[in-house]
């Protein structure tokens, strides 16, 4: 996986006894975008809320 959106796939896959590797986690991308000024704190929170609401 390139980006783990942190919506529960890791737990599902690992629950099947499979190895889950991600190059990035969406939280890392959000923090980097915030640091670079490409994302506001409120936008970051909206994305995090969306991801939390859509967990598997």
N, C-alpha and C. Protein backbone atom coordinates (compact mmCIF):
# COMPACT_ATOMS: atom_id res chain seq x y z
N UNK A 1 0.85 -1.17 0.00
CA UNK A 1 0.00 0.00 0.00
C UNK A 1 0.90 1.23 0.00
N UNK A 2 0.56 2.20 -0.81
CA UNK A 2 1.33 3.45 -0.81
C UNK A 2 0.89 4.32 0.36
N UNK A 3 -0.43 4.57 0.48
CA UNK A 3 -0.94 5.42 1.56
C UNK A 3 -1.98 4.65 2.37
N UNK A 4 -1.70 4.49 3.66
CA UNK A 4 -2.68 3.92 4.58
C UNK A 4 -3.59 5.06 5.01
N UNK A 5 -4.85 5.00 4.61
CA UNK A 5 -5.79 6.07 4.95
C UNK A 5 -6.26 5.97 6.40
N UNK A 6 -5.81 4.95 7.09
CA UNK A 6 -6.11 4.77 8.51
C UNK A 6 -7.62 4.66 8.75
N UNK A 7 -8.26 3.88 7.89
CA UNK A 7 -9.69 3.66 8.01
C UNK A 7 -10.01 2.23 8.44
N UNK A 8 -9.02 1.49 8.87
CA UNK A 8 -9.27 0.15 9.39
C UNK A 8 -8.75 -1.00 8.54
N UNK A 9 -8.24 -0.73 7.36
CA UNK A 9 -7.76 -1.81 6.50
C UNK A 9 -6.59 -2.56 7.13
N UNK A 10 -5.71 -1.83 7.80
CA UNK A 10 -4.55 -2.49 8.45
C UNK A 10 -5.03 -3.57 9.41
N UNK A 11 -5.99 -3.23 10.25
CA UNK A 11 -6.49 -4.19 11.23
C UNK A 11 -7.16 -5.38 10.56
N UNK A 12 -7.93 -5.12 9.51
CA UNK A 12 -8.59 -6.22 8.79
C UNK A 12 -7.57 -7.16 8.16
N UNK A 13 -6.59 -6.59 7.49
CA UNK A 13 -5.59 -7.40 6.80
C UNK A 13 -4.73 -8.17 7.79
N UNK A 14 -4.27 -7.48 8.83
CA UNK A 14 -3.46 -8.16 9.84
C UNK A 14 -4.28 -9.21 10.59
N UNK A 15 -5.58 -8.97 10.73
CA UNK A 15 -6.46 -9.94 11.35
C UNK A 15 -6.57 -11.24 10.56
N UNK A 16 -6.27 -11.16 9.29
CA UNK A 16 -6.26 -12.35 8.43
C UNK A 16 -4.90 -13.04 8.45
N UNK A 17 -3.99 -12.49 9.24
CA UNK A 17 -2.66 -13.07 9.34
C UNK A 17 -1.71 -12.61 8.24
N UNK A 18 -2.09 -11.57 7.53
CA UNK A 18 -1.25 -11.04 6.46
C UNK A 18 -0.45 -9.84 6.94
N UNK A 19 0.65 -9.60 6.29
CA UNK A 19 1.51 -8.47 6.62
C UNK A 19 1.01 -7.23 5.88
N UNK A 20 0.95 -6.12 6.56
CA UNK A 20 0.48 -4.86 5.97
C UNK A 20 1.62 -3.86 6.01
N UNK A 21 2.02 -3.38 4.85
CA UNK A 21 3.06 -2.36 4.76
C UNK A 21 2.52 -1.14 4.05
N UNK A 22 2.80 0.02 4.59
CA UNK A 22 2.39 1.27 3.96
C UNK A 22 3.60 2.18 3.87
N UNK A 23 3.75 2.85 2.76
CA UNK A 23 4.84 3.81 2.59
C UNK A 23 4.56 5.04 3.45
N UNK A 24 3.31 5.49 3.45
CA UNK A 24 2.90 6.66 4.23
C UNK A 24 1.58 6.37 4.93
N UNK A 25 1.35 7.08 6.01
CA UNK A 25 0.03 7.10 6.63
C UNK A 25 -0.56 8.47 6.36
N UNK A 26 -1.87 8.52 6.19
CA UNK A 26 -2.51 9.78 5.85
C UNK A 26 -2.23 10.85 6.91
N UNK A 27 -2.08 10.45 8.16
CA UNK A 27 -1.78 11.43 9.21
C UNK A 27 -0.43 12.10 8.98
N UNK A 28 0.53 11.36 8.45
CA UNK A 28 1.84 11.94 8.13
C UNK A 28 1.72 12.97 7.01
N UNK A 29 0.92 12.65 6.01
CA UNK A 29 0.72 13.56 4.88
C UNK A 29 0.02 14.83 5.34
N UNK A 30 -0.99 14.67 6.20
CA UNK A 30 -1.71 15.83 6.72
C UNK A 30 -0.79 16.75 7.52
N UNK A 31 0.05 16.16 8.35
CA UNK A 31 0.97 16.97 9.17
C UNK A 31 1.98 17.70 8.30
N UNK A 32 2.49 17.03 7.27
CA UNK A 32 3.45 17.66 6.37
C UNK A 32 2.79 18.82 5.61
N UNK A 33 1.57 18.60 5.14
CA UNK A 33 0.85 19.66 4.43
C UNK A 33 0.58 20.85 5.35
N UNK A 34 0.28 20.57 6.61
CA UNK A 34 0.06 21.63 7.59
C UNK A 34 1.35 22.41 7.82
N UNK A 35 2.45 21.70 7.99
CA UNK A 35 3.76 22.33 8.20
C UNK A 35 4.15 23.23 7.03
N UNK A 36 3.84 22.79 5.83
CA UNK A 36 4.19 23.57 4.63
C UNK A 36 3.21 24.70 4.34
N UNK A 37 2.15 24.78 5.12
CA UNK A 37 1.15 25.82 4.89
C UNK A 37 0.20 25.50 3.75
N UNK A 38 0.18 24.25 3.33
CA UNK A 38 -0.69 23.82 2.23
C UNK A 38 -2.07 23.39 2.73
N UNK A 39 -2.22 23.34 4.05
CA UNK A 39 -3.45 22.89 4.67
C UNK A 39 -3.62 23.67 5.96
N UNK A 40 -4.82 24.13 6.21
CA UNK A 40 -5.07 24.85 7.47
C UNK A 40 -5.42 23.85 8.56
N UNK A 41 -5.27 24.25 9.82
CA UNK A 41 -5.65 23.35 10.91
C UNK A 41 -7.11 22.89 10.81
N UNK A 42 -8.00 23.77 10.40
CA UNK A 42 -9.41 23.37 10.30
C UNK A 42 -9.62 22.36 9.16
N UNK A 43 -8.89 22.51 8.07
CA UNK A 43 -8.99 21.54 6.97
C UNK A 43 -8.47 20.18 7.42
N UNK A 44 -7.37 20.19 8.17
CA UNK A 44 -6.82 18.94 8.69
C UNK A 44 -7.85 18.24 9.57
N UNK A 45 -8.50 18.98 10.43
CA UNK A 45 -9.49 18.40 11.33
C UNK A 45 -10.69 17.85 10.56
N UNK A 46 -11.09 18.52 9.50
CA UNK A 46 -12.19 18.03 8.67
C UNK A 46 -11.83 16.69 8.03
N UNK A 47 -10.61 16.59 7.52
CA UNK A 47 -10.17 15.34 6.90
C UNK A 47 -10.11 14.23 7.95
N UNK A 48 -9.54 14.54 9.11
CA UNK A 48 -9.45 13.54 10.17
C UNK A 48 -10.83 13.08 10.61
N UNK A 49 -11.78 13.99 10.72
CA UNK A 49 -13.15 13.64 11.11
C UNK A 49 -13.79 12.74 10.05
N UNK A 50 -13.58 13.08 8.78
CA UNK A 50 -14.12 12.27 7.69
C UNK A 50 -13.56 10.84 7.76
N UNK A 51 -12.26 10.73 7.94
CA UNK A 51 -11.64 9.41 8.00
C UNK A 51 -12.16 8.61 9.20
N UNK A 52 -12.32 9.27 10.32
CA UNK A 52 -12.82 8.60 11.52
C UNK A 52 -14.25 8.10 11.30
N UNK A 53 -15.07 8.91 10.65
CA UNK A 53 -16.47 8.53 10.39
C UNK A 53 -16.59 7.38 9.40
N UNK A 54 -15.57 7.18 8.59
CA UNK A 54 -15.64 6.16 7.53
C UNK A 54 -14.74 4.96 7.78
N UNK A 55 -14.40 4.73 9.04
CA UNK A 55 -13.59 3.56 9.36
C UNK A 55 -14.37 2.29 9.10
N UNK A 56 -13.64 1.27 8.69
CA UNK A 56 -14.24 -0.04 8.41
C UNK A 56 -14.48 -0.76 9.71
